Protein backbone atom coordinates (compact mmCIF):
# COMPACT_ATOMS: atom_id res chain seq x y z
CA MET A 1 9.79 -9.45 11.89
CA ALA A 2 10.79 -6.23 10.12
CA GLN A 3 9.65 -2.85 11.37
CA LEU A 4 7.29 -0.96 9.12
CA SER A 5 6.20 2.63 9.56
CA LEU A 6 4.18 4.88 7.30
CA THR A 7 5.10 8.43 6.41
CA ARG A 8 2.64 11.28 6.86
CA ARG A 9 2.27 11.33 3.09
CA ALA A 10 1.38 7.62 3.03
CA LEU A 11 -1.26 8.15 5.72
CA TRP A 12 -2.61 11.12 3.77
CA ASP A 13 -2.77 8.97 0.63
CA ILE A 14 -4.66 6.24 2.50
CA ARG A 15 -7.21 8.80 3.70
CA GLY A 16 -7.58 9.93 0.08
CA ILE A 17 -8.05 6.34 -1.08
CA LYS A 18 -10.78 5.88 1.51
CA ALA A 19 -12.57 9.11 0.55
CA TYR A 20 -12.41 8.26 -3.15
CA SER A 21 -13.60 4.70 -2.54
CA VAL A 22 -16.54 5.83 -0.39
CA GLU A 23 -17.55 8.41 -2.99
CA ASN A 24 -17.27 6.07 -5.96
CA GLY A 25 -18.14 2.67 -4.52
CA GLY A 26 -19.61 3.13 -1.07
CA GLU A 27 -18.51 2.41 2.47
CA ALA A 28 -18.27 -1.37 1.95
CA VAL A 29 -15.93 -0.96 -1.03
CA ALA A 30 -13.78 1.46 0.95
CA GLU A 31 -13.51 -0.97 3.85
CA GLU A 32 -12.55 -3.82 1.49
CA TYR A 33 -9.85 -1.63 -0.03
CA LEU A 34 -8.48 -0.54 3.35
CA ASP A 35 -8.48 -4.16 4.51
CA ALA A 36 -6.46 -5.11 1.41
CA ILE A 37 -3.93 -2.35 2.17
CA GLU A 38 -3.67 -3.43 5.81
CA ASP A 39 -3.18 -7.09 4.79
CA ALA A 40 -0.45 -6.05 2.35
CA LEU A 41 1.35 -4.03 5.02
CA ILE A 42 1.25 -7.01 7.37
CA ARG A 43 2.66 -9.27 4.62
CA LEU A 44 5.43 -6.75 3.92
CA ARG A 45 6.32 -6.49 7.60
CA GLU A 46 6.45 -10.28 7.90
CA ASN A 47 8.35 -10.83 4.67
CA PRO A 48 10.06 -7.74 3.16
CA ARG A 49 11.69 -9.96 0.52
CA ILE A 50 8.45 -9.88 -1.47
CA LEU A 51 9.27 -6.30 -2.49
CA ARG A 52 10.37 -5.94 -6.12
CA THR A 53 12.24 -3.33 -8.14
CA LYS A 54 10.96 -2.08 -11.49
CA ASP A 55 12.99 -1.76 -14.68
CA GLY A 56 13.89 1.84 -15.42
CA ILE A 57 13.34 2.98 -11.81
CA THR A 58 16.11 3.35 -9.25
CA GLU A 59 16.82 0.16 -7.31
CA SER A 60 16.54 2.05 -4.02
CA LEU A 61 12.78 2.14 -4.57
CA CYS A 62 10.89 -1.17 -4.25
CA PHE A 63 7.27 -2.01 -4.98
CA TYR A 64 4.51 -4.36 -3.87
CA ARG A 65 1.22 -4.66 -5.71
CA VAL A 66 -2.08 -4.15 -3.84
CA ARG A 67 -4.94 -4.82 -6.25
CA GLN A 68 -4.30 -2.57 -9.25
CA HIS A 69 -2.00 -0.21 -7.36
CA PHE A 70 1.59 -0.43 -6.21
CA SER A 71 2.92 0.38 -2.77
CA SER A 72 6.44 1.76 -2.83
CA VAL A 73 9.14 1.43 -0.21
CA ARG A 74 12.40 3.29 -0.01
């Protein structure tokens, strides 16, 4: 299994996602969103080959979609 660690910026972004979700959809929506992010991180740790590059963006940056957002990995 691959190692996965989050940067301070990523953790800050997740806190922002939670705050925005609570404010705009309520606590239950925020928890669903955070669960989706956690599930995606587990999938990425278990199988990093699911990461994809995007046309027009450097190949050293890979992406994985979580709902309508993309997680990026360098």
